[in-house]
């Protein structure tokens, strides 16, 4: 697992739709939006721990996160960064 790649665009778009719907639900239910952010960060930490326990190297996780952050920066800057 030394080569790190981002996910299929179709899968990412589906997850982004779920998260958009979750954000809308938080708004409609008048839930503190910081609770959503805290929950998302908590699940990322739990996912990281689970990956490490399954033997995924910490370096691979960091490399993947850097790729995702670079891709997000391109999208946010309007450079048309495509989800790979």
N, C-alpha and C. Protein backbone atom coordinates (compact mmCIF):
# COMPACT_ATOMS: atom_id res chain seq x y z
N UNK A 1 0.82 -1.18 0.00
CA UNK A 1 0.00 0.00 0.00
C UNK A 1 0.86 1.25 0.00
N UNK A 2 1.97 1.19 -0.67
CA UNK A 2 2.86 2.34 -0.69
C UNK A 2 2.36 3.42 -1.63
N UNK A 3 1.62 3.04 -2.66
CA UNK A 3 1.08 4.03 -3.60
C UNK A 3 -0.26 4.54 -3.06
N UNK A 4 -0.37 5.84 -2.95
CA UNK A 4 -1.59 6.44 -2.41
C UNK A 4 -2.33 7.13 -3.54
N UNK A 5 -3.61 6.82 -3.67
CA UNK A 5 -4.45 7.46 -4.68
C UNK A 5 -5.72 7.95 -4.01
N UNK A 6 -6.37 8.91 -4.65
CA UNK A 6 -7.65 9.35 -4.13
C UNK A 6 -8.73 8.41 -4.63
N UNK A 7 -9.93 8.60 -4.16
CA UNK A 7 -11.03 7.67 -4.42
C UNK A 7 -11.72 7.95 -5.75
N UNK A 8 -12.61 7.03 -6.13
CA UNK A 8 -13.41 7.22 -7.34
C UNK A 8 -14.33 8.43 -7.16
N UNK A 9 -14.44 9.23 -8.19
CA UNK A 9 -15.25 10.44 -8.12
C UNK A 9 -16.69 10.12 -7.76
N UNK A 10 -17.24 9.06 -8.34
CA UNK A 10 -18.63 8.68 -8.06
C UNK A 10 -18.85 8.44 -6.57
N UNK A 11 -17.91 7.72 -5.93
CA UNK A 11 -18.03 7.43 -4.51
C UNK A 11 -17.93 8.71 -3.67
N UNK A 12 -16.99 9.56 -4.02
CA UNK A 12 -16.82 10.80 -3.28
C UNK A 12 -18.05 11.69 -3.41
N UNK A 13 -18.60 11.80 -4.60
CA UNK A 13 -19.79 12.62 -4.80
C UNK A 13 -20.97 12.10 -3.97
N UNK A 14 -21.10 10.79 -3.87
CA UNK A 14 -22.17 10.21 -3.06
C UNK A 14 -22.00 10.58 -1.59
N UNK A 15 -20.78 10.47 -1.09
CA UNK A 15 -20.52 10.84 0.31
C UNK A 15 -20.76 12.33 0.53
N UNK A 16 -20.33 13.16 -0.42
CA UNK A 16 -20.55 14.60 -0.29
C UNK A 16 -22.04 14.93 -0.26
N UNK A 17 -22.84 14.21 -1.02
CA UNK A 17 -24.29 14.42 -0.99
C UNK A 17 -24.85 14.06 0.38
N UNK A 18 -24.39 12.95 0.95
CA UNK A 18 -24.85 12.55 2.28
C UNK A 18 -24.50 13.61 3.32
N UNK A 19 -23.27 14.14 3.22
CA UNK A 19 -22.84 15.16 4.17
C UNK A 19 -23.62 16.46 3.98
N UNK A 20 -23.91 16.81 2.75
CA UNK A 20 -24.75 18.00 2.48
C UNK A 20 -26.11 17.81 3.13
N UNK A 21 -26.69 16.63 2.96
CA UNK A 21 -28.00 16.35 3.55
C UNK A 21 -27.93 16.38 5.08
N UNK A 22 -26.82 15.88 5.63
CA UNK A 22 -26.64 15.92 7.08
C UNK A 22 -26.56 17.36 7.58
N UNK A 23 -25.82 18.20 6.85
CA UNK A 23 -25.73 19.62 7.23
C UNK A 23 -27.11 20.27 7.21
N UNK A 24 -27.91 19.95 6.20
CA UNK A 24 -29.26 20.51 6.12
C UNK A 24 -30.11 20.02 7.29
N UNK A 25 -29.97 18.75 7.64
CA UNK A 25 -30.72 18.20 8.77
C UNK A 25 -30.33 18.88 10.07
N UNK A 26 -29.03 19.13 10.26
CA UNK A 26 -28.56 19.84 11.45
C UNK A 26 -29.22 21.21 11.52
N UNK A 27 -29.27 21.89 10.40
CA UNK A 27 -29.88 23.22 10.35
C UNK A 27 -31.37 23.15 10.68
N UNK A 28 -32.07 22.21 10.03
CA UNK A 28 -33.52 22.10 10.23
C UNK A 28 -33.88 21.68 11.64
N UNK A 29 -33.05 20.88 12.27
CA UNK A 29 -33.31 20.41 13.64
C UNK A 29 -32.78 21.37 14.69
N UNK A 30 -32.23 22.49 14.22
CA UNK A 30 -31.69 23.52 15.11
C UNK A 30 -30.61 22.95 16.05
N UNK A 31 -29.74 22.12 15.49
CA UNK A 31 -28.62 21.55 16.23
C UNK A 31 -27.43 22.48 16.05
N UNK A 32 -26.67 22.64 17.09
CA UNK A 32 -25.47 23.47 17.04
C UNK A 32 -24.55 22.96 15.93
N UNK A 33 -24.23 23.80 14.93
CA UNK A 33 -23.37 23.34 13.83
C UNK A 33 -21.98 22.91 14.29
N UNK A 34 -21.54 23.42 15.45
CA UNK A 34 -20.25 22.99 15.98
C UNK A 34 -20.31 21.51 16.40
N UNK A 35 -21.50 21.03 16.76
CA UNK A 35 -21.64 19.61 17.10
C UNK A 35 -21.37 18.74 15.87
N UNK A 36 -21.83 19.19 14.70
CA UNK A 36 -21.54 18.46 13.47
C UNK A 36 -20.04 18.44 13.21
N UNK A 37 -19.41 19.57 13.33
CA UNK A 37 -17.96 19.65 13.09
C UNK A 37 -17.20 18.74 14.06
N UNK A 38 -17.59 18.79 15.33
CA UNK A 38 -16.93 17.95 16.32
C UNK A 38 -17.15 16.47 15.99
N UNK A 39 -18.35 16.12 15.59
CA UNK A 39 -18.63 14.73 15.23
C UNK A 39 -17.81 14.27 14.04
N UNK A 40 -17.68 15.12 13.03
CA UNK A 40 -16.89 14.77 11.86
C UNK A 40 -15.42 14.56 12.22
N UNK A 41 -14.89 15.46 13.04
CA UNK A 41 -13.49 15.31 13.46
C UNK A 41 -13.29 14.07 14.31
N UNK A 42 -14.25 13.79 15.19
CA UNK A 42 -14.15 12.60 16.02
C UNK A 42 -14.14 11.33 15.17
N UNK A 43 -15.02 11.26 14.18
CA UNK A 43 -15.08 10.06 13.34
C UNK A 43 -13.80 9.92 12.52
N UNK A 44 -13.18 11.02 12.11
CA UNK A 44 -11.91 10.94 11.40
C UNK A 44 -10.81 10.36 12.29
N UNK A 45 -10.80 10.78 13.55
CA UNK A 45 -9.80 10.25 14.48
C UNK A 45 -10.04 8.76 14.75
N UNK A 46 -11.31 8.38 14.89
CA UNK A 46 -11.63 6.97 15.10
C UNK A 46 -11.26 6.14 13.87
N UNK A 47 -11.51 6.69 12.69
CA UNK A 47 -11.17 6.00 11.46
C UNK A 47 -9.66 5.83 11.33
N UNK A 48 -8.92 6.85 11.71
CA UNK A 48 -7.46 6.77 11.68
C UNK A 48 -6.96 5.68 12.61
N UNK A 49 -7.49 5.65 13.81
CA UNK A 49 -7.08 4.62 14.76
C UNK A 49 -7.38 3.22 14.22
N UNK A 50 -8.57 3.05 13.64
CA UNK A 50 -8.94 1.75 13.08
C UNK A 50 -8.00 1.35 11.94
N UNK A 51 -7.66 2.32 11.08
CA UNK A 51 -6.75 2.03 9.97
C UNK A 51 -5.38 1.61 10.49
N UNK A 52 -4.88 2.32 11.48
CA UNK A 52 -3.57 1.99 12.05
C UNK A 52 -3.60 0.60 12.69
N UNK A 53 -4.69 0.27 13.37
CA UNK A 53 -4.82 -1.05 13.98
C UNK A 53 -4.90 -2.16 12.94
N UNK A 54 -5.38 -1.84 11.75
CA UNK A 54 -5.43 -2.81 10.65
C UNK A 54 -4.11 -2.89 9.89
N UNK A 55 -3.14 -2.08 10.30
CA UNK A 55 -1.82 -2.16 9.68
C UNK A 55 -1.54 -1.17 8.58
N UNK A 56 -2.43 -0.22 8.37
CA UNK A 56 -2.17 0.82 7.37
C UNK A 56 -1.07 1.72 7.93
N UNK A 57 0.02 1.89 7.19
CA UNK A 57 1.11 2.73 7.69
C UNK A 57 0.68 4.19 7.88
N UNK A 58 1.16 4.78 8.96
CA UNK A 58 0.83 6.18 9.28
C UNK A 58 1.26 7.09 8.13
N UNK A 59 2.37 6.77 7.48
CA UNK A 59 2.85 7.58 6.36
C UNK A 59 1.85 7.57 5.21
N UNK A 60 1.20 6.42 4.98
CA UNK A 60 0.20 6.34 3.90
C UNK A 60 -1.01 7.22 4.22
N UNK A 61 -1.42 7.20 5.48
CA UNK A 61 -2.55 8.05 5.87
C UNK A 61 -2.21 9.52 5.68
N UNK A 62 -1.00 9.91 6.10
CA UNK A 62 -0.59 11.31 5.94
C UNK A 62 -0.50 11.69 4.47
N UNK A 63 0.04 10.81 3.65
CA UNK A 63 0.17 11.10 2.22
C UNK A 63 -1.21 11.27 1.59
N UNK A 64 -2.14 10.39 1.96
CA UNK A 64 -3.50 10.49 1.43
C UNK A 64 -4.13 11.81 1.86
N UNK A 65 -3.99 12.15 3.14
CA UNK A 65 -4.56 13.41 3.64
C UNK A 65 -3.98 14.62 2.91
N UNK A 66 -2.69 14.58 2.63
CA UNK A 66 -2.07 15.70 1.89
C UNK A 66 -2.63 15.81 0.48
N UNK A 67 -2.85 14.68 -0.18
CA UNK A 67 -3.44 14.70 -1.53
C UNK A 67 -4.84 15.29 -1.48
N UNK A 68 -5.61 14.88 -0.50
CA UNK A 68 -6.98 15.38 -0.37
C UNK A 68 -6.97 16.89 -0.10
N UNK A 69 -6.09 17.33 0.79
CA UNK A 69 -6.01 18.77 1.10
C UNK A 69 -5.60 19.57 -0.13
N UNK A 70 -4.67 19.07 -0.91
CA UNK A 70 -4.24 19.76 -2.12
C UNK A 70 -5.39 19.83 -3.12
N UNK A 71 -6.12 18.74 -3.26
CA UNK A 71 -7.25 18.71 -4.17
C UNK A 71 -8.32 19.69 -3.71
N UNK A 72 -8.59 19.74 -2.42
CA UNK A 72 -9.59 20.66 -1.88
C UNK A 72 -9.17 22.11 -2.10
N UNK A 73 -7.89 22.39 -1.92
CA UNK A 73 -7.39 23.76 -2.12
C UNK A 73 -7.59 24.18 -3.57
N UNK A 74 -7.35 23.28 -4.51
CA UNK A 74 -7.55 23.60 -5.93
C UNK A 74 -9.02 23.91 -6.21
N UNK A 75 -9.90 23.10 -5.65
CA UNK A 75 -11.34 23.29 -5.87
C UNK A 75 -11.78 24.62 -5.26
N UNK A 76 -11.34 24.90 -4.04
CA UNK A 76 -11.73 26.13 -3.36
C UNK A 76 -11.19 27.37 -4.05
N UNK A 77 -10.04 27.23 -4.67
CA UNK A 77 -9.44 28.37 -5.36
C UNK A 77 -10.00 28.51 -6.78
N UNK A 78 -10.93 27.66 -7.14
CA UNK A 78 -11.58 27.76 -8.45
C UNK A 78 -10.69 27.34 -9.59
N UNK A 79 -9.71 26.49 -9.30
CA UNK A 79 -8.80 26.04 -10.37
C UNK A 79 -9.35 24.81 -11.06
N UNK A 80 -10.57 24.46 -10.73
CA UNK A 80 -11.18 23.32 -11.41
C UNK A 80 -10.55 22.00 -11.07
N UNK A 81 -9.99 21.90 -9.89
CA UNK A 81 -9.38 20.65 -9.48
C UNK A 81 -10.39 19.53 -9.57
N UNK A 82 -10.04 18.49 -10.26
CA UNK A 82 -10.95 17.37 -10.48
C UNK A 82 -10.70 16.31 -9.42
N UNK A 83 -11.77 15.75 -8.92
CA UNK A 83 -11.66 14.66 -7.97
C UNK A 83 -11.13 13.45 -8.73
N UNK A 84 -10.07 12.87 -8.21
CA UNK A 84 -9.45 11.73 -8.91
C UNK A 84 -9.93 10.42 -8.34
